[in-house]
N, C-alpha and C. Protein backbone atom coordinates (compact mmCIF):
# COMPACT_ATOMS: atom_id res chain seq x y z
N MET A 1 91.75 75.68 358.53
CA MET A 1 91.14 76.43 357.59
C MET A 1 90.81 75.77 356.32
N PRO A 2 89.45 75.77 356.03
CA PRO A 2 89.01 74.85 355.00
C PRO A 2 89.50 75.45 353.64
N LEU A 3 89.77 74.48 352.70
CA LEU A 3 90.33 74.91 351.39
C LEU A 3 89.27 75.44 350.44
N SER A 4 89.73 76.41 349.60
CA SER A 4 88.63 76.77 348.74
C SER A 4 88.38 75.84 347.50
N ARG A 5 87.33 75.97 346.83
CA ARG A 5 86.95 75.08 345.83
C ARG A 5 88.07 75.04 344.76
N ARG A 6 88.49 76.23 344.43
CA ARG A 6 89.55 76.25 343.24
C ARG A 6 90.75 75.57 343.78
N LEU A 7 91.32 75.70 345.09
CA LEU A 7 92.35 74.95 345.55
C LEU A 7 92.28 73.50 345.51
N ARG A 8 91.10 73.10 345.93
CA ARG A 8 90.42 71.58 345.82
C ARG A 8 90.63 70.86 344.26
N GLN A 9 90.28 71.95 343.35
CA GLN A 9 90.34 71.37 341.95
C GLN A 9 91.83 71.27 341.69
N VAL A 10 92.57 72.39 342.00
CA VAL A 10 93.92 72.11 341.72
C VAL A 10 94.64 70.87 342.23
N LEU A 11 94.43 70.68 343.56
CA LEU A 11 94.96 69.44 344.08
C LEU A 11 94.56 68.07 343.46
N ARG A 12 93.26 68.03 342.99
CA ARG A 12 92.82 67.01 342.24
C ARG A 12 93.48 66.78 341.10
N ARG A 13 93.75 67.98 340.21
CA ARG A 13 94.33 67.86 339.03
C ARG A 13 95.83 67.50 339.18
N LEU A 14 96.44 67.85 340.20
CA LEU A 14 97.87 67.21 340.56
C LEU A 14 97.90 65.92 340.76
N ASP A 15 96.96 65.48 341.44
CA ASP A 15 96.76 64.04 341.78
C ASP A 15 96.73 63.13 340.34
N VAL A 16 95.97 63.70 339.48
CA VAL A 16 95.65 63.10 338.07
C VAL A 16 96.86 63.09 337.43
N LEU A 17 97.52 64.41 337.31
CA LEU A 17 98.90 64.35 336.67
C LEU A 17 99.78 63.26 337.22
N GLU A 18 99.93 63.42 338.50
CA GLU A 18 100.99 62.27 339.07
C GLU A 18 100.52 60.87 338.71
N LYS A 19 99.36 60.41 338.61
CA LYS A 19 98.94 59.10 338.35
C LYS A 19 99.23 58.88 336.67
N HIS A 20 99.00 59.79 335.89
CA HIS A 20 99.30 59.75 334.39
C HIS A 20 100.65 59.65 334.02
N LEU A 21 101.50 60.47 334.74
CA LEU A 21 102.90 60.83 334.24
C LEU A 21 104.08 60.37 335.09
N LEU A 22 103.93 59.89 336.32
CA LEU A 22 104.99 59.54 337.26
C LEU A 22 104.74 57.97 337.37
N PRO A 23 106.07 57.36 337.53
CA PRO A 23 105.84 55.83 337.66
C PRO A 23 105.12 55.35 338.94
N PRO A 24 104.58 54.31 339.09
CA PRO A 24 103.82 53.79 340.22
C PRO A 24 104.79 53.58 341.32
N GLU A 25 106.17 53.05 340.96
CA GLU A 25 106.99 52.91 341.99
C GLU A 25 108.38 53.59 341.50
N PHE A 26 108.98 53.97 342.47
CA PHE A 26 110.20 54.91 342.13
C PHE A 26 111.53 53.83 342.08
N SER A 27 112.46 54.02 341.27
CA SER A 27 113.58 53.33 341.22
C SER A 27 114.53 53.51 342.40
N LEU A 28 115.01 52.71 343.20
CA LEU A 28 115.92 53.03 344.16
C LEU A 28 117.27 53.56 343.64
N THR A 29 117.63 53.18 342.46
CA THR A 29 118.85 53.45 341.78
C THR A 29 118.73 54.81 340.95
N GLY A 30 117.57 55.16 340.66
CA GLY A 30 117.13 56.52 339.88
C GLY A 30 117.39 56.38 338.75
N SER A 31 117.55 55.20 338.04
CA SER A 31 117.69 55.07 336.72
C SER A 31 116.37 54.85 335.92
N TYR A 32 116.02 55.60 335.00
CA TYR A 32 114.65 55.62 334.27
C TYR A 32 115.13 55.64 332.82
N PRO A 33 114.23 55.00 332.12
CA PRO A 33 114.34 55.02 330.46
C PRO A 33 113.91 56.45 330.04
N ALA A 34 114.31 56.91 328.90
CA ALA A 34 114.17 58.28 328.41
C ALA A 34 112.74 58.59 328.29
N LYS A 35 111.85 57.79 327.99
CA LYS A 35 110.31 58.10 328.07
C LYS A 35 110.01 58.59 329.35
N GLN A 36 110.33 57.79 330.37
CA GLN A 36 109.87 58.11 331.87
C GLN A 36 110.57 59.48 332.20
N ARG A 37 111.68 59.69 331.83
CA ARG A 37 112.35 60.98 332.00
C ARG A 37 111.59 62.12 331.41
N ASP A 38 111.15 61.89 330.08
CA ASP A 38 110.42 62.79 329.37
C ASP A 38 108.94 62.99 330.17
N HIS A 39 108.28 62.10 330.67
CA HIS A 39 107.15 61.99 331.31
C HIS A 39 107.41 62.88 332.78
N THR A 40 108.40 62.78 333.32
CA THR A 40 108.67 63.40 334.70
C THR A 40 108.80 64.98 334.37
N LYS A 41 109.55 65.15 333.25
CA LYS A 41 109.68 66.60 332.90
C LYS A 41 108.35 67.33 332.61
N ALA A 42 107.43 66.48 331.89
CA ALA A 42 106.19 66.89 331.51
C ALA A 42 105.35 67.26 332.70
N TYR A 43 105.32 66.35 333.69
CA TYR A 43 104.75 66.43 334.95
C TYR A 43 105.17 67.75 335.68
N LEU A 44 106.42 68.01 335.78
CA LEU A 44 106.93 69.25 336.44
C LEU A 44 106.45 70.54 335.71
N LEU A 45 106.42 70.39 334.16
CA LEU A 45 106.07 71.48 333.57
C LEU A 45 104.45 71.74 333.65
N LEU A 46 103.64 70.70 333.86
CA LEU A 46 102.21 70.81 333.96
C LEU A 46 101.91 71.19 335.35
N VAL A 47 102.62 70.79 336.38
CA VAL A 47 102.36 71.23 337.76
C VAL A 47 102.66 72.75 337.92
N HIS A 48 103.70 73.24 337.36
CA HIS A 48 104.13 74.57 337.47
C HIS A 48 102.95 75.26 336.69
N ALA A 49 102.41 74.99 335.58
CA ALA A 49 101.26 75.64 334.83
C ALA A 49 100.09 75.54 335.73
N GLU A 50 99.88 74.53 336.37
CA GLU A 50 98.52 74.48 337.16
C GLU A 50 98.70 75.55 338.37
N LEU A 51 99.85 75.49 339.03
CA LEU A 51 100.05 76.42 340.07
C LEU A 51 100.01 77.85 339.71
N GLU A 52 100.61 78.09 338.61
CA GLU A 52 100.72 79.30 338.09
C GLU A 52 99.22 80.02 337.79
N ALA A 53 98.42 79.08 337.07
CA ALA A 53 97.01 79.49 336.89
C ALA A 53 96.40 79.62 338.15
N TYR A 54 96.50 78.91 339.14
CA TYR A 54 95.87 79.06 340.34
C TYR A 54 96.08 80.34 341.09
N PHE A 55 97.34 80.74 341.05
CA PHE A 55 98.02 82.01 341.75
C PHE A 55 97.45 83.23 340.81
N GLU A 56 97.38 83.06 339.61
CA GLU A 56 96.77 84.11 338.69
C GLU A 56 95.25 84.26 339.05
N ASP A 57 94.65 83.22 339.08
CA ASP A 57 93.18 83.40 339.44
C ASP A 57 92.85 83.85 340.79
N CYS A 58 93.75 83.61 341.93
CA CYS A 58 93.57 84.29 343.10
C CYS A 58 93.88 85.72 342.93
N ALA A 59 94.93 86.21 342.36
CA ALA A 59 95.13 87.51 342.06
C ALA A 59 94.20 88.39 341.28
N ARG A 60 93.52 87.74 340.28
CA ARG A 60 92.53 88.30 339.53
C ARG A 60 91.14 88.49 340.44
N ASN A 61 91.02 87.65 341.40
CA ASN A 61 89.82 87.56 342.09
C ASN A 61 90.07 88.79 343.21
N ARG A 62 91.30 88.89 343.77
CA ARG A 62 91.51 89.91 344.74
C ARG A 62 91.47 91.40 343.88
N VAL A 63 91.97 91.43 342.77
CA VAL A 63 91.85 92.67 342.13
C VAL A 63 90.41 93.04 341.87
N ASN A 64 89.47 92.00 341.31
CA ASN A 64 88.19 92.42 341.14
C ASN A 64 87.35 92.76 342.39
N LEU A 65 87.83 92.23 343.56
CA LEU A 65 87.06 92.57 344.69
C LEU A 65 87.25 93.94 345.07
N ALA A 66 88.81 94.30 344.85
CA ALA A 66 89.12 95.53 345.32
C ALA A 66 88.42 96.59 344.29
N HIS A 67 88.32 96.31 343.00
CA HIS A 67 87.69 97.14 342.11
C HIS A 67 86.21 97.34 342.39
N GLU A 68 85.51 96.29 342.77
CA GLU A 68 84.19 96.46 343.09
C GLU A 68 83.92 97.36 344.44
N ARG A 69 84.97 97.15 345.41
CA ARG A 69 84.67 97.93 346.56
C ARG A 69 84.89 99.40 346.25
N TRP A 70 85.74 99.82 345.33
CA TRP A 70 86.16 101.06 344.91
C TRP A 70 84.84 101.75 344.19
N ARG A 71 84.30 100.90 343.30
CA ARG A 71 83.13 101.24 342.37
C ARG A 71 81.93 101.52 343.36
N ARG A 72 81.68 100.66 344.37
CA ARG A 72 80.53 100.73 345.14
C ARG A 72 80.65 101.50 346.19
N LYS A 73 81.80 101.57 347.05
CA LYS A 73 81.95 102.51 348.19
C LYS A 73 82.98 103.71 347.96
N GLY A 74 83.73 103.60 347.07
CA GLY A 74 84.90 104.61 346.93
C GLY A 74 86.04 104.34 347.84
N GLN A 75 86.15 103.17 348.31
CA GLN A 75 87.23 102.76 349.20
C GLN A 75 88.29 102.18 348.42
N CYS A 76 89.57 102.66 348.68
CA CYS A 76 90.80 102.18 348.07
C CYS A 76 91.48 101.21 348.98
N THR A 77 91.23 100.00 348.59
CA THR A 77 91.88 98.88 349.44
C THR A 77 93.49 98.87 349.18
N PRO A 78 94.13 98.08 350.16
CA PRO A 78 95.58 98.07 349.96
C PRO A 78 95.92 97.18 348.64
N VAL A 79 95.05 96.42 348.18
CA VAL A 79 95.34 95.68 346.78
C VAL A 79 95.22 96.72 345.77
N LEU A 80 94.19 97.60 345.70
CA LEU A 80 93.99 98.38 344.73
C LEU A 80 95.22 99.63 344.70
N SER A 81 95.51 99.94 345.93
CA SER A 81 96.69 100.85 346.12
C SER A 81 98.01 100.38 345.55
N ARG A 82 98.38 99.44 345.93
CA ARG A 82 99.52 98.79 345.50
C ARG A 82 99.42 98.56 343.84
N LEU A 83 98.31 98.15 343.32
CA LEU A 83 98.28 97.95 341.93
C LEU A 83 98.44 99.40 341.19
N LEU A 84 97.98 100.26 341.77
CA LEU A 84 98.04 101.86 341.24
C LEU A 84 99.53 102.19 341.22
N VAL A 85 100.09 101.90 342.38
CA VAL A 85 101.61 102.17 342.40
C VAL A 85 102.36 101.44 341.48
N PHE A 86 102.23 100.18 341.32
CA PHE A 86 102.87 99.38 340.24
C PHE A 86 102.62 99.96 338.82
N HIS A 87 101.30 100.27 338.57
CA HIS A 87 100.83 100.97 337.25
C HIS A 87 101.66 102.13 336.98
N HIS A 88 101.70 102.94 338.02
CA HIS A 88 102.41 104.17 337.80
C HIS A 88 103.88 104.09 337.75
N ALA A 89 104.54 103.16 338.30
CA ALA A 89 105.97 102.70 338.31
C ALA A 89 106.33 102.20 336.89
N THR A 90 105.46 101.64 336.15
CA THR A 90 105.78 100.94 334.87
C THR A 90 105.84 101.98 333.78
N GLU A 91 106.79 101.70 332.88
CA GLU A 91 106.83 102.53 331.55
C GLU A 91 107.07 101.66 330.55
N LYS A 92 106.68 102.11 329.50
CA LYS A 92 106.96 101.36 328.11
C LYS A 92 108.18 102.03 327.35
N ASP A 93 109.10 101.23 326.93
CA ASP A 93 110.11 101.78 326.14
C ASP A 93 109.54 102.06 324.74
N GLU A 94 110.52 102.69 323.69
CA GLU A 94 110.07 103.04 322.44
C GLU A 94 109.64 101.84 321.53
N LEU A 95 109.88 100.60 321.93
CA LEU A 95 109.44 99.35 321.44
C LEU A 95 108.07 98.81 322.00
N GLY A 96 107.65 99.47 323.05
CA GLY A 96 106.46 98.94 323.69
C GLY A 96 106.77 97.95 324.70
N VAL A 97 108.14 97.66 325.20
CA VAL A 97 108.40 96.71 326.07
C VAL A 97 108.23 97.29 327.59
N LEU A 98 107.57 96.60 328.30
CA LEU A 98 107.31 97.20 329.89
C LEU A 98 108.61 97.11 330.67
N SER A 99 109.02 98.19 331.43
CA SER A 99 109.98 98.16 332.24
C SER A 99 109.58 98.67 333.58
N VAL A 100 109.97 98.32 334.58
CA VAL A 100 109.55 98.77 335.99
C VAL A 100 110.70 99.56 336.53
N SER A 101 110.35 100.76 336.99
CA SER A 101 111.37 101.71 337.63
C SER A 101 111.09 101.67 339.12
N VAL A 102 112.20 101.55 339.93
CA VAL A 102 111.99 101.49 341.39
C VAL A 102 112.52 102.79 341.84
N ARG A 103 111.76 103.70 342.47
CA ARG A 103 112.18 104.85 342.94
C ARG A 103 112.10 104.94 344.43
N ASP A 104 112.99 105.74 345.06
CA ASP A 104 112.98 105.64 346.49
C ASP A 104 112.05 106.74 347.12
């Protein structure tokens, strides 16, 4: 299966982060100076952020497609149905904090 343009962008970005933040050779003993440990933590944080953005983009795209199908054809896709169920199951407390109630 071919990779999407967005996924190829993410993979290229992860390669750049690896080159910029991880050591070219890893220590067999696992001992690194504090600066390198901070760079490794930064790498993990940025990889997490890139993946999170990718998954959010994928989800947003699926929701937009489901909305467009509803608008054009009046069809409720599984994505739209589940989104509406989630919306119905969520409630805000008196402080405006979102809570999810699971009902049988």
